[in-house]
Amino acid sequence: MSKDWNKRTKLVHGGTRRSQYNEVSEAIFLTQGFVYDTAQDAEARFLNAGPDEFIYARYGNPTVAMFEERIAMLEGAEDAFATASGMAAVNGALMSLLKAGDHVVAARALFGSCLYILEDILRRYGVEVTLVDGTNLGEWESALRQDTKAVFFESMSNPTLEVIDIAGVCTLAHAVGATVVVDNVFTTPVYSRAIELGADVVVYSATKHIDGQGRALGGVVLGTQEFIRKTLEPFMKHTGGSMSPFTAWIMLKGLETIDLRVRAQAASATAVAKALVGHDALAKVIYPGLEDHAQYDLVQTQMGAGGTVLSVDLKGGQEAAFDFLNKLEICVISNNLGDAKSIATHPATTTHQRLPDEQKVELGITPGLVRISIGIEDTDDLIADFVNALG
């Protein structure tokens, strides 16, 4: 299958495997195992399974393989492994790579569950973790050591939307032989250049933009064939974090339209952010596509667009934030993002609730902060909804 296709063509046709029936839509292989003609065939497959030979759904499945191949083509990665959720992808990427005594440097501005893996789970098992200001290359350089095994960061942080210099961090990390693991959810596969910029491993929560319609949990880890098949796959297939065939089919359908959806969402997010700047009820509007964003120039070279998410900080704190959320008519209150529906979230009391207050302050997660994931609704309707809710 041609790898010279442009992005939208890859998203529709990449990785397709057709059965003897030559179906148009990808087939869902809802099976936990596979049958062998002879005992010798079973032995041979367990010894050395070919690219289109499968053993057990936890190890691989034709529908899942289609999703893995398609997303790898899109990302420019050699290989991919699909997982049961985005956090299964983060956990698998880090746990398969690290052991007791290893050192990890990570950006401190992370999703709450990612911080839990780093600060609680990895430290519990003897991994030393150093947290830095991800936007400060000087802090990365100071924290990295000759024995640093990995670095981890969100290319765009949740929910304060700080953007990290992927190429800069990769240069520093590779100088000490560390593996760079990037959580790329907010950047999205549409605007991603992570591997081109030097990342070794890229992680997505497919639950977000890849599905894009709030239907299923899923995740994926992308990287070299060596890492995916020799390091990650043994860990994942023995610990059970694999993606189901039905979920893989949903994600394949999501990939067909992701480029159209995400570009429309990013354009709408830019318009909404510009419309809300200067509103009397807001202390600030945070959007990487605005020229006053601290990493605006980096965003333009690294992504080319500001993404689909903005955050607003209301002057009246939590009370004002809740009042705003409760007055929304189109935008729904939930804790997901990347959906076709616009979604508003109050991070301090939901996604980042477990963080101590002093850590919330350090990360900029104020009581008045609301994260808004822009959907595909009419832009003018969304602007009117937000302005009305702000009073």
Foldseek 3Di string as FASTA:
>chain_A
DDLPDDQLVLLQDWLADDDPVRDNAGDQDQDFADDDPDPVRLVVCVVPNDPPGDGGVLQHDSLLRSLFRSLCSLLVFATKAKFQALVLQLLLLVVLQDAAPAEEEEELQAFQSSVCCQVPVCVVRHYHYHYDNQQDLVRLLVPDDLRHAAYEYECFGPPQGDHHQLLSSLVSQVVSPHAYEYADAQLDSLQAPNVVSRHAKYKYFCCAQLLQANDHGMMMMGHYPCCVVVRRSVVRSVVPGHHHSVVSSSSSVSSSCSNVWWVLLQVLQVVLQVLCPPPPQFPGKRWLCDPPHPCVVVCCVRGVTGGRKIKTFGPVFQVLQVLLQVQFDQEHEDPGANHLGKYKYQCCVPRVVPDPPVSCVVNVSTRRMMMIGGHNPDSVVVNVRNVVSSD
